[in-house]
Amino acid sequence: MALQQTVNEIRSLLNALQSDLEKAVNGNKAASQRVRTGTVSLEKVAKRYRKESIQTEKKTKGRPKPAASKKKPAKAAHKAKPAAKAKPKAKAKAAARPRPFSVKRPTAKLPAKRRAHF
């Protein structure tokens, strides 16, 4: 039941902040301050909700779920698939060949004059 009270508290805080948010958008500095302080209290309540929610999940984790009243439709009988054809054997790998000679690329560390030579 504590979780439900926390949810109601979050809703009431959000409703209170909503009217001040509209005023803050229009340039009301006092409303902006109320929104900032309201978000701090909302943060505290949200953290409490998170803790209570985790505790509730841990308490109900081992309980079996109630049986569903709907019955699942019977599965259709599967037709036998024809035998798959044998795949051809893979070709032998070619011998490894050497890599072609590579040219060093210029780096940002080199001065512009030296980069032009590459």
PDB file of N, CA and C in Angstrom:
ATOM      1  N   MET A   1       0.822  -1.187   0.000  1.00  0.00           N
ATOM      2  CA  MET A   1       0.000   0.000   0.000  1.00  0.00           C
ATOM      3  C   MET A   1       0.868   1.254   0.000  1.00  0.00           C
ATOM      4  N   ALA A   2       2.075   1.159   0.525  1.00  0.00           N
ATOM      5  CA  ALA A   2       2.964   2.322   0.563  1.00  0.00           C
ATOM      6  C   ALA A   2       3.338   2.754  -0.853  1.00  0.00           C
ATOM      7  N   LEU A   3       3.440   1.797  -1.733  1.00  0.00           N
ATOM      8  CA  LEU A   3       3.782   2.117  -3.119  1.00  0.00           C
ATOM      9  C   LEU A   3       2.683   2.965  -3.750  1.00  0.00           C
ATOM     10  N   GLN A   4       1.442   2.652  -3.477  1.00  0.00           N
ATOM     11  CA  GLN A   4       0.325   3.420  -4.027  1.00  0.00           C
ATOM     12  C   GLN A   4       0.318   4.842  -3.475  1.00  0.00           C
ATOM     13  N   GLN A   5       0.661   5.014  -2.204  1.00  0.00           N
ATOM     14  CA  GLN A   5       0.737   6.356  -1.615  1.00  0.00           C
ATOM     15  C   GLN A   5       1.833   7.181  -2.271  1.00  0.00           C
ATOM     16  N   THR A   6       2.951   6.537  -2.570  1.00  0.00           N
ATOM     17  CA  THR A   6       4.050   7.232  -3.233  1.00  0.00           C
ATOM     18  C   THR A   6       3.645   7.659  -4.639  1.00  0.00           C
ATOM     19  N   VAL A   7       2.916   6.805  -5.338  1.00  0.00           N
ATOM     20  CA  VAL A   7       2.439   7.142  -6.675  1.00  0.00           C
ATOM     21  C   VAL A   7       1.509   8.346  -6.611  1.00  0.00           C
ATOM     22  N   ASN A   8       0.606   8.363  -5.642  1.00  0.00           N
ATOM     23  CA  ASN A   8      -0.306   9.497  -5.482  1.00  0.00           C
ATOM     24  C   ASN A   8       0.453  10.781  -5.158  1.00  0.00           C
ATOM     25  N   GLU A   9       1.517  10.660  -4.372  1.00  0.00           N
ATOM     26  CA  GLU A   9       2.318  11.829  -4.026  1.00  0.00           C
ATOM     27  C   GLU A   9       3.044  12.376  -5.265  1.00  0.00           C
ATOM     28  N   ILE A  10       3.548  11.494  -6.106  1.00  0.00           N
ATOM     29  CA  ILE A  10       4.205  11.921  -7.346  1.00  0.00           C
ATOM     30  C   ILE A  10       3.210  12.651  -8.241  1.00  0.00           C
ATOM     31  N   ARG A  11       2.006  12.110  -8.346  1.00  0.00           N
ATOM     32  CA  ARG A  11       0.984  12.753  -9.180  1.00  0.00           C
ATOM     33  C   ARG A  11       0.643  14.149  -8.674  1.00  0.00           C
ATOM     34  N   SER A  12       0.500  14.287  -7.356  1.00  0.00           N
ATOM     35  CA  SER A  12       0.148  15.600  -6.812  1.00  0.00           C
ATOM     36  C   SER A  12       1.271  16.613  -7.016  1.00  0.00           C
ATOM     37  N   LEU A  13       2.526  16.159  -6.867  1.00  0.00           N
ATOM     38  CA  LEU A  13       3.656  17.058  -7.108  1.00  0.00           C
ATOM     39  C   LEU A  13       3.713  17.498  -8.569  1.00  0.00           C
ATOM     40  N   LEU A  14       3.457  16.557  -9.483  1.00  0.00           N
ATOM     41  CA  LEU A  14       3.471  16.909 -10.904  1.00  0.00           C
ATOM     42  C   LEU A  14       2.364  17.894 -11.246  1.00  0.00           C
ATOM     43  N   ASN A  15       1.193  17.703 -10.664  1.00  0.00           N
ATOM     44  CA  ASN A  15       0.090  18.635 -10.921  1.00  0.00           C
ATOM     45  C   ASN A  15       0.416  20.028 -10.396  1.00  0.00           C
ATOM     46  N   ALA A  16       1.059  20.098  -9.221  1.00  0.00           N
ATOM     47  CA  ALA A  16       1.430  21.398  -8.660  1.00  0.00           C
ATOM     48  C   ALA A  16       2.492  22.080  -9.520  1.00  0.00           C
ATOM     49  N   LEU A  17       3.416  21.304 -10.035  1.00  0.00           N
ATOM     50  CA  LEU A  17       4.480  21.869 -10.867  1.00  0.00           C
ATOM     51  C   LEU A  17       3.962  22.325 -12.233  1.00  0.00           C
ATOM     52  N   GLN A  18       2.938  21.693 -12.715  1.00  0.00           N
ATOM     53  CA  GLN A  18       2.440  21.993 -14.050  1.00  0.00           C
ATOM     54  C   GLN A  18       2.006  23.453 -14.189  1.00  0.00           C
ATOM     55  N   SER A  19       1.246  23.963 -13.228  1.00  0.00           N
ATOM     56  CA  SER A  19       0.786  25.352 -13.320  1.00  0.00           C
ATOM     57  C   SER A  19       1.961  26.328 -13.188  1.00  0.00           C
ATOM     58  N   ASP A  20       2.930  25.995 -12.312  1.00  0.00           N
ATOM     59  CA  ASP A  20       4.096  26.867 -12.170  1.00  0.00           C
ATOM     60  C   ASP A  20       4.981  26.820 -13.416  1.00  0.00           C
ATOM     61  N   LEU A  21       5.041  25.684 -14.088  1.00  0.00           N
ATOM     62  CA  LEU A  21       5.823  25.578 -15.313  1.00  0.00           C
ATOM     63  C   LEU A  21       5.293  26.522 -16.389  1.00  0.00           C
ATOM     64  N   GLU A  22       3.985  26.588 -16.522  1.00  0.00           N
ATOM     65  CA  GLU A  22       3.387  27.471 -17.518  1.00  0.00           C
ATOM     66  C   GLU A  22       3.733  28.930 -17.213  1.00  0.00           C
ATOM     67  N   LYS A  23       3.701  29.293 -15.929  1.00  0.00           N
ATOM     68  CA  LYS A  23       4.041  30.659 -15.543  1.00  0.00           C
ATOM     69  C   LYS A  23       5.532  30.940 -15.781  1.00  0.00           C
ATOM     70  N   ALA A  24       6.366  29.942 -15.498  1.00  0.00           N
ATOM     71  CA  ALA A  24       7.811  30.107 -15.662  1.00  0.00           C
ATOM     72  C   ALA A  24       8.179  30.307 -17.128  1.00  0.00           C
ATOM     73  N   VAL A  25       7.485  29.613 -18.011  1.00  0.00           N
ATOM     74  CA  VAL A  25       7.747  29.754 -19.440  1.00  0.00           C
ATOM     75  C   VAL A  25       7.452  31.177 -19.899  1.00  0.00           C
ATOM     76  N   ASN A  26       6.461  31.798 -19.293  1.00  0.00           N
ATOM     77  CA  ASN A  26       6.087  33.166 -19.653  1.00  0.00           C
ATOM     78  C   ASN A  26       6.992  34.216 -19.006  1.00  0.00           C
ATOM     79  N   GLY A  27       7.981  33.793 -18.214  1.00  0.00           N
ATOM     80  CA  GLY A  27       8.949  34.732 -17.664  1.00  0.00           C
ATOM     81  C   GLY A  27       8.783  35.052 -16.194  1.00  0.00           C
ATOM     82  N   ASN A  28       7.923  34.382 -15.485  1.00  0.00           N
ATOM     83  CA  ASN A  28       7.718  34.633 -14.062  1.00  0.00           C
ATOM     84  C   ASN A  28       8.874  33.996 -13.275  1.00  0.00           C
ATOM     85  N   LYS A  29       9.722  34.839 -12.668  1.00  0.00           N
ATOM     86  CA  LYS A  29      10.909  34.337 -11.977  1.00  0.00           C
ATOM     87  C   LYS A  29      10.556  33.586 -10.703  1.00  0.00           C
ATOM     88  N   ALA A  30       9.523  34.022 -10.005  1.00  0.00           N
ATOM     89  CA  ALA A  30       9.120  33.337  -8.770  1.00  0.00           C
ATOM     90  C   ALA A  30       8.606  31.933  -9.083  1.00  0.00           C
ATOM     91  N   ALA A  31       7.880  31.818 -10.176  1.00  0.00           N
ATOM     92  CA  ALA A  31       7.383  30.501 -10.581  1.00  0.00           C
ATOM     93  C   ALA A  31       8.539  29.592 -10.978  1.00  0.00           C
ATOM     94  N   SER A  32       9.558  30.166 -11.605  1.00  0.00           N
ATOM     95  CA  SER A  32      10.744  29.369 -11.957  1.00  0.00           C
ATOM     96  C   SER A  32      11.416  28.816 -10.713  1.00  0.00           C
ATOM     97  N   GLN A  33      11.498  29.635  -9.677  1.00  0.00           N
ATOM     98  CA  GLN A  33      12.094  29.177  -8.417  1.00  0.00           C
ATOM     99  C   GLN A  33      11.259  28.068  -7.788  1.00  0.00           C
ATOM    100  N   ARG A  34       9.953  28.204  -7.825  1.00  0.00           N
ATOM    101  CA  ARG A  34       9.080  27.155  -7.272  1.00  0.00           C
ATOM    102  C   ARG A  34       9.235  25.845  -8.046  1.00  0.00           C
ATOM    103  N   VAL A  35       9.403  25.945  -9.341  1.00  0.00           N
ATOM    104  CA  VAL A  35       9.601  24.730 -10.153  1.00  0.00           C
ATOM    105  C   VAL A  35      10.909  24.062  -9.779  1.00  0.00           C
ATOM    106  N   ARG A  36      11.965  24.859  -9.633  1.00  0.00           N
ATOM    107  CA  ARG A  36      13.276  24.273  -9.281  1.00  0.00           C
ATOM    108  C   ARG A  36      13.224  23.567  -7.929  1.00  0.00           C
ATOM    109  N   THR A  37      12.603  24.191  -6.927  1.00  0.00           N
ATOM    110  CA  THR A  37      12.501  23.537  -5.617  1.00  0.00           C
ATOM    111  C   THR A  37      11.549  22.343  -5.677  1.00  0.00           C
ATOM    112  N   GLY A  38      10.537  22.443  -6.502  1.00  0.00           N
ATOM    113  CA  GLY A  38       9.606  21.321  -6.651  1.00  0.00           C
ATOM    114  C   GLY A  38      10.261  20.110  -7.283  1.00  0.00           C
ATOM    115  N   THR A  39      11.194  20.346  -8.213  1.00  0.00           N
ATOM    116  CA  THR A  39      11.872  19.212  -8.840  1.00  0.00           C
ATOM    117  C   THR A  39      12.789  18.494  -7.861  1.00  0.00           C
ATOM    118  N   VAL A  40      13.316  19.224  -6.889  1.00  0.00           N
ATOM    119  CA  VAL A  40      14.147  18.591  -5.862  1.00  0.00           C
ATOM    120  C   VAL A  40      13.292  17.641  -5.025  1.00  0.00           C
ATOM    121  N   SER A  41      12.118  18.107  -4.614  1.00  0.00           N
ATOM    122  CA  SER A  41      11.240  17.236  -3.824  1.00  0.00           C
ATOM    123  C   SER A  41      10.707  16.083  -4.678  1.00  0.00           C
ATOM    124  N   LEU A  42      10.480  16.345  -5.955  1.00  0.00           N
ATOM    125  CA  LEU A  42      10.035  15.275  -6.858  1.00  0.00           C
ATOM    126  C   LEU A  42      11.111  14.212  -6.996  1.00  0.00           C
ATOM    127  N   GLU A  43      12.369  14.640  -7.037  1.00  0.00           N
ATOM    128  CA  GLU A  43      13.478  13.701  -7.130  1.00  0.00           C
ATOM    129  C   GLU A  43      13.513  12.777  -5.915  1.00  0.00           C
ATOM    130  N   LYS A  44      13.305  13.339  -4.737  1.00  0.00           N
ATOM    131  CA  LYS A  44      13.326  12.543  -3.505  1.00  0.00           C
ATOM    132  C   LYS A  44      12.212  11.506  -3.501  1.00  0.00           C
ATOM    133  N   VAL A  45      11.023  11.931  -3.920  1.00  0.00           N
ATOM    134  CA  VAL A  45       9.885  11.010  -3.936  1.00  0.00           C
ATOM    135  C   VAL A  45      10.103   9.941  -5.010  1.00  0.00           C
ATOM    136  N   ALA A  46      10.693  10.326  -6.138  1.00  0.00           N
ATOM    137  CA  ALA A  46      10.948   9.358  -7.206  1.00  0.00           C
ATOM    138  C   ALA A  46      11.946   8.298  -6.750  1.00  0.00           C
ATOM    139  N   LYS A  47      12.966   8.691  -5.994  1.00  0.00           N
ATOM    140  CA  LYS A  47      13.925   7.724  -5.466  1.00  0.00           C
ATOM    141  C   LYS A  47      13.248   6.770  -4.484  1.00  0.00           C
ATOM    142  N   ARG A  48      12.363   7.308  -3.657  1.00  0.00           N
ATOM    143  CA  ARG A  48      11.627   6.466  -2.719  1.00  0.00           C
ATOM    144  C   ARG A  48      10.740   5.471  -3.475  1.00  0.00           C
ATOM    145  N   TYR A  49      10.110   5.952  -4.550  1.00  0.00           N
ATOM    146  CA  TYR A  49       9.279   5.066  -5.372  1.00  0.00           C
ATOM    147  C   TYR A  49      10.115   3.919  -5.939  1.00  0.00           C
ATOM    148  N   ARG A  50      11.309   4.246  -6.398  1.00  0.00           N
ATOM    149  CA  ARG A  50      12.172   3.223  -6.985  1.00  0.00           C
ATOM    150  C   ARG A  50      12.504   2.146  -5.958  1.00  0.00           C
ATOM    151  N   LYS A  51      12.857   2.544  -4.742  1.00  0.00           N
ATOM    152  CA  LYS A  51      13.182   1.580  -3.687  1.00  0.00           C
ATOM    153  C   LYS A  51      11.977   0.713  -3.340  1.00  0.00           C
ATOM    154  N   GLU A  52      10.820   1.349  -3.198  1.00  0.00           N
ATOM    155  CA  GLU A  52       9.617   0.598  -2.840  1.00  0.00           C
ATOM    156  C   GLU A  52       9.209  -0.346  -3.969  1.00  0.00           C
ATOM    157  N   SER A  53       9.400   0.093  -5.181  1.00  0.00           N
ATOM    158  CA  SER A  53       9.046  -0.739  -6.320  1.00  0.00           C
ATOM    159  C   SER A  53       9.919  -1.992  -6.377  1.00  0.00           C
ATOM    160  N   ILE A  54      11.210  -1.819  -6.123  1.00  0.00           N
ATOM    161  CA  ILE A  54      12.123  -2.964  -6.124  1.00  0.00           C
ATOM    162  C   ILE A  54      11.766  -3.932  -5.005  1.00  0.00           C
ATOM    163  N   GLN A  55      11.439  -3.409  -3.832  1.00  0.00           N
ATOM    164  CA  GLN A  55      11.054  -4.270  -2.717  1.00  0.00           C
ATOM    165  C   GLN A  55       9.783  -5.052  -3.043  1.00  0.00           C
ATOM    166  N   THR A  56       8.831  -4.399  -3.674  1.00  0.00           N
ATOM    167  CA  THR A  56       7.581  -5.065  -4.041  1.00  0.00           C
ATOM    168  C   THR A  56       7.836  -6.187  -5.034  1.00  0.00           C
ATOM    169  N   GLU A  57       8.709  -5.928  -6.010  1.00  0.00           N
ATOM    170  CA  GLU A  57       9.028  -6.967  -6.998  1.00  0.00           C
ATOM    171  C   GLU A  57       9.717  -8.155  -6.346  1.00  0.00           C
ATOM    172  N   LYS A  58      10.595  -7.899  -5.385  1.00  0.00           N
ATOM    173  CA  LYS A  58      11.290  -8.992  -4.712  1.00  0.00           C
ATOM    174  C   LYS A  58      10.329  -9.844  -3.894  1.00  0.00           C
ATOM    175  N   LYS A  59       9.317  -9.196  -3.287  1.00  0.00           N
ATOM    176  CA  LYS A  59       8.347  -9.938  -2.489  1.00  0.00           C
ATOM    177  C   LYS A  59       7.488 -10.845  -3.351  1.00  0.00           C
ATOM    178  N   THR A  60       7.137 -10.394  -4.543  1.00  0.00           N
ATOM    179  CA  THR A  60       6.233 -11.161  -5.400  1.00  0.00           C
ATOM    180  C   THR A  60       6.962 -12.025  -6.409  1.00  0.00           C
ATOM    181  N   LYS A  61       8.285 -12.072  -6.351  1.00  0.00           N
ATOM    182  CA  LYS A  61       9.048 -12.802  -7.360  1.00  0.00           C
ATOM    183  C   LYS A  61       8.787 -14.303  -7.335  1.00  0.00           C
ATOM    184  N   GLY A  62       8.691 -14.916  -6.169  1.00  0.00           N
ATOM    185  CA  GLY A  62       8.557 -16.358  -6.083  1.00  0.00           C
ATOM    186  C   GLY A  62       7.138 -16.872  -6.254  1.00  0.00           C
ATOM    187  N   ARG A  63       6.157 -16.012  -6.262  1.00  0.00           N
ATOM    188  CA  ARG A  63       4.764 -16.440  -6.366  1.00  0.00           C
ATOM    189  C   ARG A  63       4.401 -16.811  -7.792  1.00  0.00           C
ATOM    190  N   PRO A  64       3.641 -17.883  -7.944  1.00  0.00           N
ATOM    191  CA  PRO A  64       3.215 -18.219  -9.306  1.00  0.00           C
ATOM    192  C   PRO A  64       2.135 -17.267  -9.789  1.00  0.00           C
ATOM    193  N   LYS A  65       2.132 -17.032 -11.085  1.00  0.00           N
ATOM    194  CA  LYS A  65       1.125 -16.155 -11.668  1.00  0.00           C
ATOM    195  C   LYS A  65      -0.205 -16.889 -11.721  1.00  0.00           C
ATOM    196  N   PRO A  66      -1.312 -16.169 -11.612  1.00  0.00           N
ATOM    197  CA  PRO A  66      -2.604 -16.840 -11.718  1.00  0.00           C
ATOM    198  C   PRO A  66      -2.787 -17.414 -13.117  1.00  0.00           C
ATOM    199  N   ALA A  67      -3.459 -18.557 -13.170  1.00  0.00           N
ATOM    200  CA  ALA A  67      -3.653 -19.242 -14.447  1.00  0.00           C
ATOM    201  C   ALA A  67      -4.546 -18.405 -15.353  1.00  0.00           C
ATOM    202  N   ALA A  68      -4.195 -18.370 -16.608  1.00  0.00           N
ATOM    203  CA  ALA A  68      -4.988 -17.624 -17.586  1.00  0.00           C
ATOM    204  C   ALA A  68      -6.250 -18.417 -17.907  1.00  0.00           C
ATOM    205  N   SER A  69      -7.351 -17.707 -18.103  1.00  0.00           N
ATOM    206  CA  SER A  69      -8.609 -18.385 -18.376  1.00  0.00           C
ATOM    207  C   SER A  69      -8.734 -18.807 -19.835  1.00  0.00           C
ATOM    208  N   LYS A  70      -7.940 -18.206 -20.699  1.00  0.00           N
ATOM    209  CA  LYS A  70      -8.013 -18.555 -22.125  1.00  0.00           C
ATOM    210  C   LYS A  70      -7.232 -19.834 -22.384  1.00  0.00           C
ATOM    211  N   LYS A  71      -7.802 -20.682 -23.202  1.00  0.00           N
ATOM    212  CA  LYS A  71      -7.114 -21.902 -23.586  1.00  0.00           C
ATOM    213  C   LYS A  71      -6.370 -21.650 -24.878  1.00  0.00           C
ATOM    214  N   LYS A  72      -5.205 -22.236 -24.983  1.00  0.00           N
ATOM    215  CA  LYS A  72      -4.422 -22.089 -26.203  1.00  0.00           C
ATOM    216  C   LYS A  72      -4.980 -23.022 -27.262  1.00  0.00           C
ATOM    217  N   PRO A  73      -5.044 -22.593 -28.519  1.00  0.00           N
ATOM    218  CA  PRO A  73      -5.523 -23.477 -29.570  1.00  0.00           C
ATOM    219  C   PRO A  73      -4.529 -24.615 -29.806  1.00  0.00           C
ATOM    220  N   ALA A  74      -5.071 -25.748 -30.197  1.00  0.00           N
ATOM    221  CA  ALA A  74      -4.238 -26.920 -30.445  1.00  0.00           C
ATOM    222  C   ALA A  74      -3.345 -26.655 -31.650  1.00  0.00           C
ATOM    223  N   LYS A  75      -2.112 -27.120 -31.561  1.00  0.00           N
ATOM    224  CA  LYS A  75      -1.182 -26.917 -32.667  1.00  0.00           C
ATOM    225  C   LYS A  75      -1.503 -27.882 -33.793  1.00  0.00           C
ATOM    226  N   ALA A  76      -1.357 -27.414 -35.006  1.00  0.00           N
ATOM    227  CA  ALA A  76      -1.593 -28.254 -36.173  1.00  0.00           C
ATOM    228  C   ALA A  76      -0.430 -29.228 -36.329  1.00  0.00           C
ATOM    229  N   ALA A  77      -0.756 -30.405 -36.832  1.00  0.00           N
ATOM    230  CA  ALA A  77       0.279 -31.411 -37.045  1.00  0.00           C
ATOM    231  C   ALA A  77       1.208 -30.938 -38.162  1.00  0.00           C
ATOM    232  N   HIS A  78       2.482 -31.073 -37.924  1.00  0.00           N
ATOM    233  CA  HIS A  78       3.457 -30.634 -38.919  1.00  0.00           C
ATOM    234  C   HIS A  78       3.650 -31.719 -39.961  1.00  0.00           C
ATOM    235  N   LYS A  79       3.729 -31.301 -41.197  1.00  0.00           N
ATOM    236  CA  LYS A  79       4.003 -32.253 -42.271  1.00  0.00           C
ATOM    237  C   LYS A  79       5.487 -32.552 -42.278  1.00  0.00           C
ATOM    238  N   ALA A  80       5.813 -33.762 -42.624  1.00  0.00           N
ATOM    239  CA  ALA A  80       7.206 -34.153 -42.687  1.00  0.00           C
ATOM    240  C   ALA A  80       7.864 -33.466 -43.872  1.00  0.00           C
ATOM    241  N   LYS A  81       9.028 -32.894 -43.633  1.00  0.00           N
ATOM    242  CA  LYS A  81       9.752 -32.215 -44.695  1.00  0.00           C
ATOM    243  C   LYS A  81      10.536 -33.253 -45.497  1.00  0.00           C
ATOM    244  N   PRO A  82      10.671 -33.025 -46.808  1.00  0.00           N
ATOM    245  CA  PRO A  82      11.481 -33.948 -47.597  1.00  0.00           C
ATOM    246  C   PRO A  82      12.945 -33.847 -47.163  1.00  0.00           C
ATOM    247  N   ALA A  83      13.650 -34.942 -47.357  1.00  0.00           N
ATOM    248  CA  ALA A  83      15.049 -34.982 -46.954  1.00  0.00           C
ATOM    249  C   ALA A  83      15.836 -33.927 -47.716  1.00  0.00           C
ATOM    250  N   ALA A  84      16.703 -33.234 -46.999  1.00  0.00           N
ATOM    251  CA  ALA A  84      17.506 -32.188 -47.623  1.00  0.00           C
ATOM    252  C   ALA A  84      18.591 -32.816 -48.482  1.00  0.00           C
ATOM    253  N   LYS A  85      18.881 -32.161 -49.597  1.00  0.00           N
ATOM    254  CA  LYS A  85      19.929 -32.651 -50.489  1.00  0.00           C
ATOM    255  C   LYS A  85      21.281 -32.387 -49.845  1.00  0.00           C
ATOM    256  N   ALA A  86      22.225 -33.256 -50.163  1.00  0.00           N
ATOM    257  CA  ALA A  86      23.569 -33.096 -49.623  1.00  0.00           C
ATOM    258  C   ALA A  86      24.222 -31.877 -50.255  1.00  0.00           C
ATOM    259  N   LYS A  87      24.888 -31.091 -49.449  1.00  0.00           N
ATOM    260  CA  LYS A  87      25.570 -29.915 -49.956  1.00  0.00           C
ATOM    261  C   LYS A  87      26.898 -30.325 -50.574  1.00  0.00           C
ATOM    262  N   PRO A  88      27.301 -29.622 -51.647  1.00  0.00           N
ATOM    263  CA  PRO A  88      28.600 -29.955 -52.236  1.00  0.00           C
ATOM    264  C   PRO A  88      29.718 -29.588 -51.272  1.00  0.00           C
ATOM    265  N   LYS A  89      30.812 -30.318 -51.367  1.00  0.00           N
ATOM    266  CA  LYS A  89      31.941 -30.080 -50.478  1.00  0.00           C
ATOM    267  C   LYS A  89      32.610 -28.760 -50.833  1.00  0.00           C
ATOM    268  N   ALA A  90      33.149 -28.124 -49.818  1.00  0.00           N
ATOM    269  CA  ALA A  90      33.829 -26.855 -50.025  1.00  0.00           C
ATOM    270  C   ALA A  90      35.141 -27.081 -50.752  1.00  0.00           C
ATOM    271  N   LYS A  91      35.514 -26.111 -51.588  1.00  0.00           N
ATOM    272  CA  LYS A  91      36.763 -26.219 -52.335  1.00  0.00           C
ATOM    273  C   LYS A  91      37.936 -26.002 -51.383  1.00  0.00           C
ATOM    274  N   ALA A  92      39.070 -26.563 -51.743  1.00  0.00           N
ATOM    275  CA  ALA A  92      40.276 -26.401 -50.944  1.00  0.00           C
ATOM    276  C   ALA A  92      40.725 -24.951 -51.027  1.00  0.00           C
ATOM    277  N   LYS A  93      41.215 -24.427 -49.926  1.00  0.00           N
ATOM    278  CA  LYS A  93      41.668 -23.052 -49.896  1.00  0.00           C
ATOM    279  C   LYS A  93      42.958 -22.905 -50.683  1.00  0.00           C
ATOM    280  N   ALA A  94      43.072 -21.772 -51.361  1.00  0.00           N
ATOM    281  CA  ALA A  94      44.283 -21.487 -52.125  1.00  0.00           C
ATOM    282  C   ALA A  94      45.407 -21.131 -51.166  1.00  0.00           C
ATOM    283  N   ALA A  95      46.626 -21.302 -51.611  1.00  0.00           N
ATOM    284  CA  ALA A  95      47.781 -20.973 -50.783  1.00  0.00           C
ATOM    285  C   ALA A  95      47.800 -19.475 -50.516  1.00  0.00           C
ATOM    286  N   ALA A  96      48.265 -19.102 -49.365  1.00  0.00           N
ATOM    287  CA  ALA A  96      48.320 -17.695 -48.993  1.00  0.00           C
ATOM    288  C   ALA A  96      49.292 -16.967 -49.895  1.00  0.00           C
ATOM    289  N   ARG A  97      48.897 -15.790 -50.347  1.00  0.00           N
ATOM    290  CA  ARG A  97      49.797 -15.015 -51.203  1.00  0.00           C
ATOM    291  C   ARG A  97      50.220 -13.762 -50.445  1.00  0.00           C
ATOM    292  N   PRO A  98      51.366 -13.251 -50.751  1.00  0.00           N
ATOM    293  CA  PRO A  98      51.865 -12.094 -50.020  1.00  0.00           C
ATOM    294  C   PRO A  98      51.035 -10.846 -50.330  1.00  0.00           C
ATOM    295  N   ARG A  99      50.999  -9.954 -49.368  1.00  0.00           N
ATOM    296  CA  ARG A  99      50.272  -8.702 -49.543  1.00  0.00           C
ATOM    297  C   ARG A  99      51.072  -7.773 -50.458  1.00  0.00           C
ATOM    298  N   PRO A 100      50.368  -6.938 -51.200  1.00  0.00           N
ATOM    299  CA  PRO A 100      51.103  -5.984 -52.034  1.00  0.00           C
ATOM    300  C   PRO A 100      51.760  -4.926 -51.150  1.00  0.00           C
ATOM    301  N   PHE A 101      52.815  -4.325 -51.679  1.00  0.00           N
ATOM    302  CA  PHE A 101      53.550  -3.301 -50.950  1.00  0.00           C
ATOM    303  C   PHE A 101      52.629  -2.113 -50.712  1.00  0.00           C
ATOM    304  N   SER A 102      52.601  -1.608 -49.473  1.00  0.00           N
ATOM    305  CA  SER A 102      51.739  -0.475 -49.167  1.00  0.00           C
ATOM    306  C   SER A 102      52.569   0.768 -48.923  1.00  0.00           C
ATOM    307  N   VAL A 103      51.967   1.902 -49.216  1.00  0.00           N
ATOM    308  CA  VAL A 103      52.633   3.179 -49.030  1.00  0.00           C
ATOM    309  C   VAL A 103      52.120   3.787 -47.738  1.00  0.00           C
ATOM    310  N   LYS A 104      53.021   4.372 -46.975  1.00  0.00           N
ATOM    311  CA  LYS A 104      52.637   4.975 -45.708  1.00  0.00           C
ATOM    312  C   LYS A 104      51.814   6.226 -45.977  1.00  0.00           C
ATOM    313  N   ARG A 105      50.705   6.329 -45.296  1.00  0.00           N
ATOM    314  CA  ARG A 105      49.840   7.494 -45.442  1.00  0.00           C
ATOM    315  C   ARG A 105      50.335   8.625 -44.558  1.00  0.00           C
ATOM    316  N   PRO A 106      50.087   9.863 -44.979  1.00  0.00           N
ATOM    317  CA  PRO A 106      50.530  10.992 -44.156  1.00  0.00           C
ATOM    318  C   PRO A 106      49.704  11.084 -42.881  1.00  0.00           C
ATOM    319  N   THR A 107      50.329  11.569 -41.832  1.00  0.00           N
ATOM    320  CA  THR A 107      49.629  11.742 -40.567  1.00  0.00           C
ATOM    321  C   THR A 107      49.509  13.221 -40.257  1.00  0.00           C
ATOM    322  N   ALA A 108      48.709  13.533 -39.298  1.00  0.00           N
ATOM    323  CA  ALA A 108      48.501  14.924 -38.913  1.00  0.00           C
ATOM    324  C   ALA A 108      49.732  15.501 -38.218  1.00  0.00           C
ATOM    325  N   LYS A 109      50.613  14.650 -37.733  1.00  0.00           N
ATOM    326  CA  LYS A 109      51.790  15.120 -37.020  1.00  0.00           C
ATOM    327  C   LYS A 109      52.829  15.723 -37.963  1.00  0.00           C
ATOM    328  N   LEU A 110      52.824  15.288 -39.205  1.00  0.00           N
ATOM    329  CA  LEU A 110      53.799  15.808 -40.152  1.00  0.00           C
ATOM    330  C   LEU A 110      53.449  17.216 -40.575  1.00  0.00           C
ATOM    331  N   PRO A 111      54.435  18.068 -40.789  1.00  0.00           N
ATOM    332  CA  PRO A 111      54.151  19.405 -41.303  1.00  0.00           C
ATOM    333  C   PRO A 111      53.589  19.324 -42.713  1.00  0.00           C
ATOM    334  N   ALA A 112      52.906  20.344 -43.139  1.00  0.00           N
ATOM    335  CA  ALA A 112      52.252  20.352 -44.450  1.00  0.00           C
ATOM    336  C   ALA A 112      53.253  20.158 -45.580  1.00  0.00           C
ATOM    337  N   LYS A 113      54.471  20.710 -45.468  1.00  0.00           N
ATOM    338  CA  LYS A 113      55.465  20.582 -46.533  1.00  0.00           C
ATOM    339  C   LYS A 113      55.876  19.125 -46.725  1.00  0.00           C
ATOM    340  N   ARG A 114      56.051  18.393 -45.635  1.00  0.00           N
ATOM    341  CA  ARG A 114      56.473  17.000 -45.744  1.00  0.00           C
ATOM    342  C   ARG A 114      55.339  16.102 -46.218  1.00  0.00           C
ATOM    343  N   ARG A 115      54.076  16.449 -45.896  1.00  0.00           N
ATOM    344  CA  ARG A 115      52.929  15.643 -46.318  1.00  0.00           C
ATOM    345  C   ARG A 115      52.776  15.651 -47.829  1.00  0.00           C
ATOM    346  N   ALA A 116      53.182  16.710 -48.465  1.00  0.00           N
ATOM    347  CA  ALA A 116      53.009  16.830 -49.909  1.00  0.00           C
ATOM    348  C   ALA A 116      53.855  15.812 -50.661  1.00  0.00           C
ATOM    349  N   HIS A 117      54.927  15.337 -50.067  1.00  0.00           N
ATOM    350  CA  HIS A 117      55.813  14.383 -50.748  1.00  0.00           C
ATOM    351  C   HIS A 117      55.217  12.982 -50.807  1.00  0.00           C
ATOM    352  N   PHE A 118      54.303  12.678 -49.937  1.00  0.00           N
ATOM    353  CA  PHE A 118      53.761  11.329 -49.904  1.00  0.00           C
ATOM    354  C   PHE A 118      52.709  11.203 -50.905  1.00  0.00           C
TER     355      PHE A 118
END
